[in-house]
Amino acid sequence: MATDYDASRKTEDEQKEESREARRLTLGEQDKTSGKIDEDETELAESYELPGADLSDETLSIEVVPKQTDEFTCTGCFLVQHASRAVLTGRRSV
């Protein structure tokens, strides 16, 4: 068996606890908390909205304004930007 000389050494108490744990596992005892589910995680998972969820009853809370004459759609990021940004981005599509 290979020995890792850089590994931290265990005290006698830690070694005894490890051997007790190993015996308990070999005897087939189970950890009493292993079957329990953390209820907080379950509640948190239920609050997530999955992609493709039915949002037909939702309404937009912002006003959508059409592209103005002094704006352009960037061909790199496809965002609508002001004409003064055309020089900075170097990309312009009308």
Protein backbone atom coordinates (compact mmCIF):
# COMPACT_ATOMS: atom_id res chain seq x y z
CA MET A 1 0.00 0.00 0.00
CA ALA A 2 1.34 3.43 -0.94
CA THR A 3 1.92 5.93 1.85
CA ASP A 4 1.25 9.62 1.43
CA TYR A 5 3.80 11.28 3.70
CA ASP A 6 2.32 14.73 3.10
CA ALA A 7 -1.13 13.76 4.39
CA SER A 8 -2.15 15.05 7.80
CA ARG A 9 -1.91 12.50 10.56
CA LYS A 10 -4.90 11.41 12.58
CA THR A 11 -5.07 11.33 16.33
CA GLU A 12 -5.91 8.14 18.21
CA ASP A 13 -9.47 9.39 18.79
CA GLU A 14 -9.98 9.95 15.06
CA GLN A 15 -8.59 6.49 14.28
CA LYS A 16 -10.92 4.89 16.85
CA GLU A 17 -13.91 6.75 15.43
CA GLU A 18 -12.98 5.63 11.92
CA SER A 19 -12.74 2.00 12.99
CA ARG A 20 -16.11 2.24 14.80
CA GLU A 21 -17.66 3.73 11.66
CA ALA A 22 -16.18 0.98 9.50
CA ARG A 23 -17.49 -1.73 11.86
CA ARG A 24 -20.92 -0.13 11.94
CA LEU A 25 -21.07 -0.03 8.13
CA THR A 26 -19.95 -3.65 7.81
CA LEU A 27 -22.63 -4.74 10.30
CA GLY A 28 -25.27 -3.15 8.09
CA GLU A 29 -26.28 -0.31 10.39
CA GLN A 30 -27.50 2.78 8.62
CA ASP A 31 -27.03 6.38 9.49
CA LYS A 32 -30.28 7.58 11.07
CA THR A 33 -30.19 10.89 9.17
CA SER A 34 -29.40 9.42 5.75
CA GLY A 35 -33.05 8.84 4.78
CA LYS A 36 -34.27 12.27 5.74
CA ILE A 37 -34.92 14.91 3.11
CA ASP A 38 -34.05 18.50 3.83
CA GLU A 39 -37.41 20.24 3.57
CA ASP A 40 -35.85 23.62 2.90
CA GLU A 41 -34.26 22.35 -0.32
CA THR A 42 -37.58 20.90 -1.45
CA GLU A 43 -39.40 24.17 -0.88
CA LEU A 44 -36.66 26.03 -2.71
CA ALA A 45 -36.86 23.67 -5.70
CA GLU A 46 -40.63 24.19 -5.94
CA SER A 47 -40.16 27.95 -6.27
CA TYR A 48 -38.04 27.64 -9.46
CA GLU A 49 -39.72 28.32 -12.78
CA LEU A 50 -38.62 25.91 -15.46
CA PRO A 51 -38.01 26.96 -19.08
CA GLY A 52 -41.05 26.40 -21.24
CA ALA A 53 -43.44 27.06 -18.37
CA ASP A 54 -46.93 28.32 -19.25
CA LEU A 55 -46.79 32.11 -18.95
CA SER A 56 -49.96 32.85 -20.91
CA ASP A 57 -51.60 34.55 -17.93
CA GLU A 58 -48.60 36.89 -17.38
CA THR A 59 -48.57 40.48 -18.64
CA LEU A 60 -45.57 42.65 -19.54
CA SER A 61 -44.75 45.31 -17.00
CA ILE A 62 -42.62 47.40 -19.40
CA GLU A 63 -43.45 49.44 -22.45
CA VAL A 64 -41.85 48.22 -25.67
CA VAL A 65 -40.79 51.07 -27.96
CA PRO A 66 -40.00 50.42 -31.64
CA LYS A 67 -36.53 51.18 -32.98
CA GLN A 68 -36.06 54.92 -33.57
CA THR A 69 -34.53 56.55 -36.66
CA ASP A 70 -31.33 57.40 -34.77
CA GLU A 71 -30.81 53.79 -33.59
CA PHE A 72 -29.36 50.69 -35.24
CA THR A 73 -29.21 46.96 -34.56
CA CYS A 74 -25.68 45.77 -33.88
CA THR A 75 -24.71 42.80 -36.08
CA GLY A 76 -22.45 41.41 -33.35
CA CYS A 77 -24.74 41.43 -30.32
CA PHE A 78 -28.13 42.10 -32.02
CA LEU A 79 -28.92 44.87 -29.53
CA VAL A 80 -30.58 48.11 -30.58
CA GLN A 81 -28.11 50.90 -29.89
CA HIS A 82 -27.93 54.66 -30.45
CA ALA A 83 -26.23 55.84 -33.64
CA SER A 84 -23.43 57.47 -31.61
CA ARG A 85 -22.33 53.96 -30.56
CA ALA A 86 -21.83 52.87 -34.20
CA VAL A 87 -18.35 54.36 -34.23
CA LEU A 88 -17.41 52.55 -31.00
CA THR A 89 -18.68 49.15 -32.04
CA GLY A 90 -17.61 49.31 -35.67
CA ARG A 91 -20.68 47.29 -36.60
CA ARG A 92 -23.83 48.71 -38.01
CA SER A 93 -26.92 47.26 -39.59
CA VAL A 94 -30.01 49.26 -40.44
